[in-house]
Amino acid sequence: MSTLTYPETGATRRTPLPAGYHHLRHRTVVGTGRAAFEAAGAAVTTWRLHRTSGARVRADAARAEPGAAVEVSIGAGPLRVSAPCVVVWTAYEKDRTGFAYGTTPGHPECGEESFVVELADDGTVWFTVTAFSRPAAWYARLAGPLVPVCQHAYARHLGRTLRRIATGASSRR
C-alpha cells in the first residue's frame, strides 16, 4: 500500500479523524432486520452500491479485500472524473460489514473513505460514510469549498440508494 497518497492509513476506523483534512461523517438508516443488513453489506462490499448509484467501477477483486485496486468514476466523456483507490481495511463481522479505500496517484483528492453497514441491537440497519480528504488535483483545489458539499451530497445519495437495495431485499423474504 506504499502507493497511497496520504500517511494516515486506516484512520477512518477510529476517532478523531486526522487534522488538516476536510472531514465527512454521514449516517443514515437503510432498513431493519438481518435480511436488510445482509443485502446492504453485500451491496457495499461487492461494488453494487456504487454501480447502482450511477458510478462506474473497475476493481481487480469481486469484493472488497485489503490491497484490492478500485477505480470509481463519475461523469461522461471529457467531464468524467476517475478516482483510483486501494482498499485499506475491511470488516466482515456478524453485525458490521464494510471497507475503506485510500487514494492513490491520479485521484483528485488525497485521503480515505469508508462505507460501513451495521445492524444495531434493535434491528435497525445503519449505513455510515466516513472520510477525510483534501484536494490533490488542480481542479479539486479550484473547486474549493464545493468539493465537501459534493462529497456530502454523494454520501446522502449512496444512503438513499442503499436503502432501496436493502428494503427491496427484506421485502422479498
N, C-alpha and C. Protein backbone atom coordinates (compact mmCIF):
# COMPACT_ATOMS: atom_id res chain seq x y z
N MET A 1 0.82 -1.19 0.00
CA MET A 1 0.00 0.00 0.00
C MET A 1 0.86 1.25 0.00
N SER A 2 2.09 1.10 -0.45
CA SER A 2 3.00 2.24 -0.48
C SER A 2 2.60 3.27 -1.54
N THR A 3 1.63 2.93 -2.39
CA THR A 3 1.21 3.88 -3.41
C THR A 3 0.16 4.87 -2.89
N LEU A 4 -0.25 4.74 -1.66
CA LEU A 4 -1.24 5.67 -1.11
C LEU A 4 -0.67 7.08 -1.08
N THR A 5 -1.54 8.05 -1.23
CA THR A 5 -1.09 9.45 -1.31
C THR A 5 -1.23 10.20 0.01
N TYR A 6 -1.38 9.46 1.10
CA TYR A 6 -1.54 10.07 2.42
C TYR A 6 -0.94 9.10 3.45
N PRO A 7 -0.47 9.59 4.59
CA PRO A 7 0.19 8.69 5.55
C PRO A 7 -0.72 8.05 6.61
N GLU A 8 -1.94 8.53 6.79
CA GLU A 8 -2.78 8.09 7.91
C GLU A 8 -3.64 6.87 7.56
N THR A 9 -3.04 5.84 7.03
CA THR A 9 -3.75 4.65 6.57
C THR A 9 -4.59 4.03 7.69
N GLY A 10 -5.86 3.81 7.39
CA GLY A 10 -6.76 3.17 8.34
C GLY A 10 -7.43 4.13 9.32
N ALA A 11 -7.21 5.40 9.17
CA ALA A 11 -7.72 6.38 10.14
C ALA A 11 -9.24 6.51 10.13
N THR A 12 -9.94 6.01 9.11
CA THR A 12 -11.40 6.07 9.13
C THR A 12 -11.99 5.06 10.12
N ARG A 13 -11.17 4.19 10.67
CA ARG A 13 -11.63 3.22 11.67
C ARG A 13 -11.70 3.82 13.07
N ARG A 14 -11.11 4.96 13.27
CA ARG A 14 -11.03 5.49 14.63
C ARG A 14 -11.35 6.99 14.65
N THR A 15 -11.51 7.50 15.84
CA THR A 15 -11.72 8.94 16.01
C THR A 15 -10.64 9.47 16.94
N PRO A 16 -10.31 10.71 16.83
CA PRO A 16 -10.78 11.64 15.81
C PRO A 16 -10.08 11.38 14.47
N LEU A 17 -10.68 11.90 13.43
CA LEU A 17 -10.06 11.83 12.11
C LEU A 17 -8.85 12.76 12.10
N PRO A 18 -7.89 12.52 11.22
CA PRO A 18 -6.67 13.33 11.20
C PRO A 18 -6.92 14.80 10.89
N ALA A 19 -6.15 15.64 11.51
CA ALA A 19 -6.22 17.08 11.27
C ALA A 19 -5.65 17.41 9.89
N GLY A 20 -6.04 18.57 9.36
CA GLY A 20 -5.51 19.02 8.08
C GLY A 20 -6.31 18.57 6.88
N TYR A 21 -7.46 17.96 7.11
CA TYR A 21 -8.32 17.45 6.04
C TYR A 21 -9.75 17.94 6.27
N HIS A 22 -10.55 17.91 5.20
CA HIS A 22 -12.00 18.06 5.36
C HIS A 22 -12.50 16.73 5.91
N HIS A 23 -13.43 16.78 6.85
CA HIS A 23 -13.98 15.56 7.44
C HIS A 23 -15.44 15.39 7.01
N LEU A 24 -15.82 14.16 6.80
CA LEU A 24 -17.19 13.83 6.43
C LEU A 24 -17.64 12.64 7.27
N ARG A 25 -18.80 12.77 7.89
CA ARG A 25 -19.47 11.66 8.56
C ARG A 25 -20.95 11.78 8.20
N HIS A 26 -21.45 10.76 7.54
CA HIS A 26 -22.87 10.74 7.20
C HIS A 26 -23.41 9.38 7.61
N ARG A 27 -24.42 9.39 8.45
CA ARG A 27 -25.01 8.14 8.96
C ARG A 27 -26.51 8.19 8.70
N THR A 28 -27.04 7.10 8.15
CA THR A 28 -28.46 7.05 7.84
C THR A 28 -29.01 5.64 8.00
N VAL A 29 -30.27 5.54 8.34
CA VAL A 29 -30.95 4.25 8.44
C VAL A 29 -31.28 3.77 7.03
N VAL A 30 -30.95 2.50 6.75
CA VAL A 30 -31.24 1.95 5.42
C VAL A 30 -32.21 0.77 5.47
N GLY A 31 -32.62 0.36 6.66
CA GLY A 31 -33.56 -0.75 6.76
C GLY A 31 -33.63 -1.30 8.16
N THR A 32 -34.30 -2.45 8.28
CA THR A 32 -34.40 -3.15 9.55
C THR A 32 -34.28 -4.64 9.32
N GLY A 33 -33.65 -5.30 10.26
CA GLY A 33 -33.56 -6.76 10.24
C GLY A 33 -32.33 -7.32 9.56
N ARG A 34 -32.12 -8.59 9.82
CA ARG A 34 -30.94 -9.32 9.32
C ARG A 34 -30.90 -9.35 7.80
N ALA A 35 -32.05 -9.56 7.14
CA ALA A 35 -32.06 -9.63 5.67
C ALA A 35 -31.62 -8.31 5.06
N ALA A 36 -32.10 -7.20 5.60
CA ALA A 36 -31.70 -5.89 5.09
C ALA A 36 -30.21 -5.65 5.35
N PHE A 37 -29.73 -6.05 6.52
CA PHE A 37 -28.30 -5.92 6.84
C PHE A 37 -27.44 -6.70 5.85
N GLU A 38 -27.81 -7.95 5.62
CA GLU A 38 -27.02 -8.79 4.71
C GLU A 38 -27.04 -8.25 3.28
N ALA A 39 -28.20 -7.79 2.82
CA ALA A 39 -28.29 -7.23 1.47
C ALA A 39 -27.46 -5.95 1.36
N ALA A 40 -27.56 -5.10 2.37
CA ALA A 40 -26.80 -3.84 2.34
C ALA A 40 -25.31 -4.11 2.41
N GLY A 41 -24.89 -5.02 3.28
CA GLY A 41 -23.47 -5.34 3.41
C GLY A 41 -22.90 -5.92 2.12
N ALA A 42 -23.67 -6.80 1.48
CA ALA A 42 -23.21 -7.38 0.21
C ALA A 42 -23.13 -6.30 -0.87
N ALA A 43 -24.11 -5.40 -0.91
CA ALA A 43 -24.09 -4.34 -1.92
C ALA A 43 -22.89 -3.42 -1.74
N VAL A 44 -22.56 -3.11 -0.51
CA VAL A 44 -21.41 -2.24 -0.24
C VAL A 44 -20.11 -2.92 -0.64
N THR A 45 -19.92 -4.16 -0.24
CA THR A 45 -18.61 -4.81 -0.42
C THR A 45 -18.40 -5.43 -1.79
N THR A 46 -19.44 -5.53 -2.61
CA THR A 46 -19.28 -6.06 -3.97
C THR A 46 -19.37 -4.98 -5.03
N TRP A 47 -19.31 -3.72 -4.62
CA TRP A 47 -19.33 -2.55 -5.51
C TRP A 47 -20.72 -2.27 -6.08
N ARG A 48 -21.72 -3.10 -5.75
CA ARG A 48 -23.07 -2.89 -6.29
C ARG A 48 -23.62 -1.52 -5.90
N LEU A 49 -23.38 -1.11 -4.66
CA LEU A 49 -23.89 0.19 -4.22
C LEU A 49 -23.39 1.30 -5.12
N HIS A 50 -22.09 1.35 -5.36
CA HIS A 50 -21.53 2.41 -6.21
C HIS A 50 -22.07 2.34 -7.63
N ARG A 51 -22.13 1.12 -8.17
CA ARG A 51 -22.64 0.97 -9.54
C ARG A 51 -24.10 1.38 -9.64
N THR A 52 -24.91 0.96 -8.68
CA THR A 52 -26.34 1.30 -8.69
C THR A 52 -26.55 2.80 -8.52
N SER A 53 -25.61 3.45 -7.84
CA SER A 53 -25.73 4.90 -7.62
C SER A 53 -25.37 5.70 -8.86
N GLY A 54 -24.86 5.03 -9.89
CA GLY A 54 -24.54 5.73 -11.14
C GLY A 54 -23.05 5.86 -11.41
N ALA A 55 -22.22 5.38 -10.52
CA ALA A 55 -20.77 5.44 -10.74
C ALA A 55 -20.32 4.25 -11.58
N ARG A 56 -19.24 4.44 -12.29
CA ARG A 56 -18.59 3.34 -12.99
C ARG A 56 -17.50 2.81 -12.06
N VAL A 57 -17.43 1.51 -11.91
CA VAL A 57 -16.44 0.91 -11.01
C VAL A 57 -15.63 -0.13 -11.77
N ARG A 58 -14.32 -0.01 -11.64
CA ARG A 58 -13.40 -1.06 -12.13
C ARG A 58 -12.62 -1.52 -10.91
N ALA A 59 -12.65 -2.82 -10.65
CA ALA A 59 -11.96 -3.35 -9.48
C ALA A 59 -11.26 -4.65 -9.88
N ASP A 60 -10.14 -4.90 -9.23
CA ASP A 60 -9.43 -6.15 -9.54
C ASP A 60 -9.83 -7.28 -8.59
N ALA A 61 -10.90 -7.07 -7.82
CA ALA A 61 -11.44 -8.10 -6.93
C ALA A 61 -12.97 -8.01 -6.97
N ALA A 62 -13.62 -9.15 -6.84
CA ALA A 62 -15.09 -9.19 -6.88
C ALA A 62 -15.71 -8.54 -5.66
N ARG A 63 -14.99 -8.54 -4.56
CA ARG A 63 -15.47 -7.87 -3.36
C ARG A 63 -14.29 -7.20 -2.66
N ALA A 64 -14.62 -6.29 -1.78
CA ALA A 64 -13.58 -5.52 -1.09
C ALA A 64 -12.68 -6.43 -0.25
N GLU A 65 -11.39 -6.35 -0.51
CA GLU A 65 -10.36 -7.06 0.25
C GLU A 65 -9.16 -6.13 0.34
N PRO A 66 -8.46 -6.13 1.47
CA PRO A 66 -7.28 -5.26 1.59
C PRO A 66 -6.32 -5.46 0.42
N GLY A 67 -5.88 -4.35 -0.16
CA GLY A 67 -4.96 -4.38 -1.28
C GLY A 67 -5.62 -4.36 -2.64
N ALA A 68 -6.94 -4.55 -2.70
CA ALA A 68 -7.65 -4.54 -3.99
C ALA A 68 -7.63 -3.14 -4.58
N ALA A 69 -7.31 -3.06 -5.86
CA ALA A 69 -7.33 -1.77 -6.57
C ALA A 69 -8.74 -1.53 -7.09
N VAL A 70 -9.21 -0.29 -6.92
CA VAL A 70 -10.56 0.10 -7.33
C VAL A 70 -10.47 1.46 -7.99
N GLU A 71 -11.19 1.64 -9.09
CA GLU A 71 -11.29 2.95 -9.71
C GLU A 71 -12.77 3.28 -9.88
N VAL A 72 -13.19 4.34 -9.21
CA VAL A 72 -14.58 4.81 -9.29
C VAL A 72 -14.56 6.06 -10.16
N SER A 73 -15.50 6.13 -11.11
CA SER A 73 -15.56 7.32 -11.95
C SER A 73 -17.00 7.76 -12.13
N ILE A 74 -17.16 9.07 -12.26
CA ILE A 74 -18.48 9.65 -12.49
C ILE A 74 -18.35 10.69 -13.60
N GLY A 75 -19.47 11.00 -14.21
CA GLY A 75 -19.47 11.96 -15.30
C GLY A 75 -19.51 11.25 -16.63
N ALA A 76 -19.33 12.03 -17.70
CA ALA A 76 -19.38 11.47 -19.04
C ALA A 76 -18.34 12.16 -19.93
N GLY A 77 -17.81 11.38 -20.86
CA GLY A 77 -16.87 11.92 -21.84
C GLY A 77 -15.73 12.67 -21.20
N PRO A 78 -15.43 13.87 -21.72
CA PRO A 78 -14.30 14.63 -21.18
C PRO A 78 -14.57 15.16 -19.77
N LEU A 79 -15.82 15.07 -19.31
CA LEU A 79 -16.14 15.52 -17.95
C LEU A 79 -16.15 14.37 -16.95
N ARG A 80 -15.70 13.19 -17.38
CA ARG A 80 -15.62 12.04 -16.48
C ARG A 80 -14.42 12.23 -15.56
N VAL A 81 -14.67 12.07 -14.25
CA VAL A 81 -13.61 12.16 -13.25
C VAL A 81 -13.38 10.77 -12.68
N SER A 82 -12.15 10.29 -12.76
CA SER A 82 -11.78 8.98 -12.24
C SER A 82 -11.04 9.13 -10.93
N ALA A 83 -11.30 8.18 -10.04
CA ALA A 83 -10.71 8.24 -8.70
C ALA A 83 -10.11 6.87 -8.36
N PRO A 84 -8.81 6.68 -8.63
CA PRO A 84 -8.18 5.40 -8.29
C PRO A 84 -7.88 5.30 -6.80
N CYS A 85 -8.16 4.11 -6.26
CA CYS A 85 -8.01 3.86 -4.82
C CYS A 85 -7.50 2.44 -4.59
N VAL A 86 -7.14 2.17 -3.35
CA VAL A 86 -6.79 0.83 -2.89
C VAL A 86 -7.55 0.58 -1.59
N VAL A 87 -8.15 -0.60 -1.47
CA VAL A 87 -8.84 -0.96 -0.23
C VAL A 87 -7.80 -1.11 0.87
N VAL A 88 -8.01 -0.39 1.98
CA VAL A 88 -7.03 -0.40 3.08
C VAL A 88 -7.49 -1.21 4.28
N TRP A 89 -8.78 -1.40 4.46
CA TRP A 89 -9.28 -2.29 5.51
C TRP A 89 -10.68 -2.75 5.16
N THR A 90 -11.05 -3.90 5.74
CA THR A 90 -12.38 -4.44 5.57
C THR A 90 -12.92 -4.89 6.92
N ALA A 91 -14.23 -5.01 7.00
CA ALA A 91 -14.91 -5.56 8.18
C ALA A 91 -15.97 -6.53 7.68
N TYR A 92 -15.79 -7.80 7.98
CA TYR A 92 -16.78 -8.82 7.67
C TYR A 92 -17.12 -9.49 9.00
N GLU A 93 -17.99 -8.84 9.76
CA GLU A 93 -18.33 -9.28 11.10
C GLU A 93 -19.81 -9.63 11.18
N LYS A 94 -20.22 -10.22 12.29
CA LYS A 94 -21.61 -10.65 12.46
C LYS A 94 -22.60 -9.50 12.26
N ASP A 95 -22.32 -8.34 12.84
CA ASP A 95 -23.24 -7.21 12.78
C ASP A 95 -22.60 -5.96 12.20
N ARG A 96 -21.50 -6.11 11.48
CA ARG A 96 -20.80 -4.95 10.89
C ARG A 96 -20.06 -5.41 9.63
N THR A 97 -20.35 -4.75 8.51
CA THR A 97 -19.73 -5.09 7.24
C THR A 97 -19.35 -3.80 6.52
N GLY A 98 -18.18 -3.80 5.91
CA GLY A 98 -17.79 -2.63 5.14
C GLY A 98 -16.32 -2.61 4.81
N PHE A 99 -15.88 -1.47 4.31
CA PHE A 99 -14.48 -1.33 3.91
C PHE A 99 -14.14 0.15 3.82
N ALA A 100 -12.85 0.38 3.69
CA ALA A 100 -12.36 1.74 3.39
C ALA A 100 -11.36 1.63 2.27
N TYR A 101 -11.35 2.66 1.42
CA TYR A 101 -10.29 2.74 0.43
C TYR A 101 -9.57 4.06 0.57
N GLY A 102 -8.29 4.01 0.18
CA GLY A 102 -7.44 5.19 0.25
C GLY A 102 -7.04 5.61 -1.15
N THR A 103 -6.75 6.89 -1.27
CA THR A 103 -6.42 7.45 -2.58
C THR A 103 -5.03 7.06 -3.03
N THR A 104 -4.90 6.93 -4.35
CA THR A 104 -3.61 6.63 -4.98
C THR A 104 -3.34 7.72 -6.02
N PRO A 105 -2.13 7.76 -6.58
CA PRO A 105 -1.83 8.81 -7.57
C PRO A 105 -2.86 8.83 -8.70
N GLY A 106 -3.28 10.05 -9.06
CA GLY A 106 -4.28 10.24 -10.09
C GLY A 106 -5.66 10.55 -9.52
N HIS A 107 -5.84 10.33 -8.24
CA HIS A 107 -7.12 10.67 -7.59
C HIS A 107 -7.16 12.18 -7.39
N PRO A 108 -8.33 12.82 -7.62
CA PRO A 108 -8.40 14.28 -7.46
C PRO A 108 -8.28 14.73 -6.00
N GLU A 109 -8.48 13.83 -5.07
CA GLU A 109 -8.36 14.13 -3.65
C GLU A 109 -7.26 13.27 -3.04
N CYS A 110 -6.93 13.59 -1.82
CA CYS A 110 -5.94 12.84 -1.05
C CYS A 110 -6.60 12.49 0.27
N GLY A 111 -6.74 11.20 0.60
CA GLY A 111 -7.36 10.80 1.85
C GLY A 111 -7.98 9.43 1.79
N GLU A 112 -8.97 9.22 2.64
CA GLU A 112 -9.55 7.89 2.81
C GLU A 112 -11.05 8.01 3.04
N GLU A 113 -11.79 6.99 2.61
CA GLU A 113 -13.24 6.98 2.78
C GLU A 113 -13.69 5.57 3.13
N SER A 114 -14.58 5.47 4.11
CA SER A 114 -15.11 4.16 4.50
C SER A 114 -16.62 4.11 4.31
N PHE A 115 -17.10 2.90 4.08
CA PHE A 115 -18.52 2.62 3.84
C PHE A 115 -18.87 1.42 4.72
N VAL A 116 -19.64 1.65 5.77
CA VAL A 116 -19.89 0.60 6.76
C VAL A 116 -21.39 0.45 7.02
N VAL A 117 -21.83 -0.80 7.07
CA VAL A 117 -23.21 -1.15 7.40
C VAL A 117 -23.18 -1.85 8.76
N GLU A 118 -24.08 -1.43 9.65
CA GLU A 118 -24.14 -2.03 10.98
C GLU A 118 -25.57 -2.40 11.32
N LEU A 119 -25.73 -3.54 12.00
CA LEU A 119 -27.02 -3.99 12.50
C LEU A 119 -27.04 -3.72 14.00
N ALA A 120 -27.89 -2.77 14.42
CA ALA A 120 -27.99 -2.41 15.83
C ALA A 120 -28.80 -3.46 16.60
N ASP A 121 -28.69 -3.43 17.91
CA ASP A 121 -29.41 -4.38 18.76
C ASP A 121 -30.92 -4.34 18.55
N ASP A 122 -31.45 -3.18 18.21
CA ASP A 122 -32.90 -3.05 18.00
C ASP A 122 -33.34 -3.45 16.59
N GLY A 123 -32.39 -3.94 15.75
CA GLY A 123 -32.71 -4.38 14.40
C GLY A 123 -32.55 -3.31 13.34
N THR A 124 -32.24 -2.09 13.74
CA THR A 124 -32.04 -1.01 12.77
C THR A 124 -30.74 -1.23 12.01
N VAL A 125 -30.79 -1.05 10.70
CA VAL A 125 -29.60 -1.16 9.86
C VAL A 125 -29.12 0.24 9.52
N TRP A 126 -27.91 0.55 9.93
CA TRP A 126 -27.30 1.86 9.72
C TRP A 126 -26.23 1.77 8.65
N PHE A 127 -26.13 2.81 7.86
CA PHE A 127 -25.05 2.95 6.87
C PHE A 127 -24.30 4.24 7.20
N THR A 128 -22.98 4.12 7.31
CA THR A 128 -22.15 5.27 7.65
C THR A 128 -21.04 5.44 6.63
N VAL A 129 -20.92 6.66 6.12
CA VAL A 129 -19.80 7.04 5.27
C VAL A 129 -18.93 7.98 6.11
N THR A 130 -17.66 7.64 6.23
CA THR A 130 -16.70 8.46 6.97
C THR A 130 -15.54 8.74 6.04
N ALA A 131 -15.10 9.99 5.99
CA ALA A 131 -13.99 10.33 5.09
C ALA A 131 -13.18 11.49 5.64
N PHE A 132 -11.93 11.49 5.24
CA PHE A 132 -11.09 12.69 5.40
C PHE A 132 -10.37 12.87 4.08
N SER A 133 -10.35 14.11 3.61
CA SER A 133 -9.73 14.36 2.31
C SER A 133 -9.33 15.81 2.17
N ARG A 134 -8.43 16.03 1.24
CA ARG A 134 -8.06 17.39 0.83
C ARG A 134 -7.72 17.32 -0.65
N PRO A 135 -7.80 18.45 -1.33
CA PRO A 135 -7.56 18.45 -2.78
C PRO A 135 -6.15 17.98 -3.13
N ALA A 136 -6.06 17.23 -4.21
CA ALA A 136 -4.76 16.80 -4.73
C ALA A 136 -4.56 17.34 -6.15
N ALA A 137 -5.62 17.35 -6.95
CA ALA A 137 -5.54 17.81 -8.34
C ALA A 137 -5.88 19.30 -8.41
N TRP A 138 -5.37 19.96 -9.44
CA TRP A 138 -5.62 21.39 -9.59
C TRP A 138 -7.10 21.72 -9.64
N TYR A 139 -7.89 20.87 -10.32
CA TYR A 139 -9.31 21.16 -10.46
C TYR A 139 -10.06 20.95 -9.13
N ALA A 140 -9.57 20.07 -8.28
CA ALA A 140 -10.18 19.91 -6.95
C ALA A 140 -9.86 21.13 -6.08
N ARG A 141 -8.63 21.64 -6.21
CA ARG A 141 -8.27 22.87 -5.47
C ARG A 141 -9.08 24.05 -5.99
N LEU A 142 -9.26 24.12 -7.30
CA LEU A 142 -10.03 25.21 -7.91
C LEU A 142 -11.49 25.17 -7.44
N ALA A 143 -12.06 23.98 -7.29
CA ALA A 143 -13.44 23.84 -6.85
C ALA A 143 -13.62 24.26 -5.39
N GLY A 144 -12.53 24.26 -4.64
CA GLY A 144 -12.52 24.76 -3.27
C GLY A 144 -13.62 24.22 -2.39
N PRO A 145 -14.44 25.11 -1.83
CA PRO A 145 -15.46 24.68 -0.87
C PRO A 145 -16.60 23.88 -1.48
N LEU A 146 -16.68 23.80 -2.79
CA LEU A 146 -17.73 22.99 -3.42
C LEU A 146 -17.47 21.49 -3.26
N VAL A 147 -16.20 21.10 -3.13
CA VAL A 147 -15.87 19.68 -3.05
C VAL A 147 -16.51 19.02 -1.83
N PRO A 148 -16.34 19.56 -0.62
CA PRO A 148 -17.01 18.92 0.53
C PRO A 148 -18.53 18.90 0.40
N VAL A 149 -19.11 19.90 -0.19
CA VAL A 149 -20.56 19.92 -0.41
C VAL A 149 -20.95 18.78 -1.34
N CYS A 150 -20.21 18.59 -2.41
CA CYS A 150 -20.48 17.49 -3.35
C CYS A 150 -20.26 16.13 -2.69
N GLN A 151 -19.22 16.02 -1.87
CA GLN A 151 -18.96 14.75 -1.18
C GLN A 151 -20.11 14.39 -0.25
N HIS A 152 -20.63 15.37 0.48
CA HIS A 152 -21.75 15.11 1.38
C HIS A 152 -23.00 14.74 0.59
N ALA A 153 -23.24 15.42 -0.51
CA ALA A 153 -24.39 15.09 -1.36
C ALA A 153 -24.27 13.66 -1.90
N TYR A 154 -23.07 13.25 -2.28
CA TYR A 154 -22.86 11.89 -2.78
C TYR A 154 -23.08 10.87 -1.66
N ALA A 155 -22.63 11.17 -0.44
CA ALA A 155 -22.86 10.27 0.69
C ALA A 155 -24.36 10.10 0.94
N ARG A 156 -25.11 11.18 0.89
CA ARG A 156 -26.57 11.10 1.06
C ARG A 156 -27.20 10.27 -0.07
N HIS A 157 -26.72 10.48 -1.30
CA HIS A 157 -27.20 9.71 -2.45
C HIS A 157 -26.92 8.22 -2.25
N LEU A 158 -25.73 7.88 -1.78
CA LEU A 158 -25.40 6.48 -1.50
C LEU A 158 -26.34 5.89 -0.46
N GLY A 159 -26.65 6.67 0.58
CA GLY A 159 -27.56 6.20 1.61
C GLY A 159 -28.95 5.91 1.05
N ARG A 160 -29.46 6.80 0.22
CA ARG A 160 -30.78 6.58 -0.39
C ARG A 160 -30.75 5.35 -1.32
N THR A 161 -29.68 5.21 -2.07
CA THR A 161 -29.55 4.06 -2.97
C THR A 161 -29.49 2.76 -2.17
N LEU A 162 -28.71 2.76 -1.09
CA LEU A 162 -28.58 1.55 -0.28
C LEU A 162 -29.91 1.22 0.41
N ARG A 163 -30.67 2.22 0.80
CA ARG A 163 -31.98 1.98 1.40
C ARG A 163 -32.89 1.24 0.41
N ARG A 164 -32.86 1.66 -0.87
CA ARG A 164 -33.67 0.97 -1.89
C ARG A 164 -33.23 -0.48 -2.05
N ILE A 165 -31.91 -0.70 -2.05
CA ILE A 165 -31.39 -2.06 -2.19
C ILE A 165 -31.79 -2.91 -0.98
N ALA A 166 -31.57 -2.37 0.22
CA ALA A 166 -31.82 -3.14 1.45
C ALA A 166 -33.31 -3.40 1.68
N THR A 167 -34.15 -2.41 1.44
CA THR A 167 -35.58 -2.62 1.68
C THR A 167 -36.18 -3.50 0.60
N GLY A 168 -35.63 -3.46 -0.60
CA GLY A 168 -36.08 -4.38 -1.65
C GLY A 168 -35.78 -5.82 -1.30
N ALA A 169 -34.61 -6.04 -0.71
CA ALA A 169 -34.22 -7.40 -0.33
C ALA A 169 -35.06 -7.90 0.84
N SER A 170 -35.30 -7.04 1.83
CA SER A 170 -36.06 -7.50 3.01
C SER A 170 -37.53 -7.69 2.68
N SER A 171 -38.05 -6.99 1.69
CA SER A 171 -39.47 -7.16 1.35
C SER A 171 -39.70 -8.42 0.52
N ARG A 172 -38.63 -8.97 -0.09
CA ARG A 172 -38.76 -10.19 -0.89
C ARG A 172 -38.72 -11.44 -0.01
N ARG A 173 -38.35 -11.30 1.23
CA ARG A 173 -38.22 -12.50 2.09
C ARG A 173 -39.46 -12.78 2.88
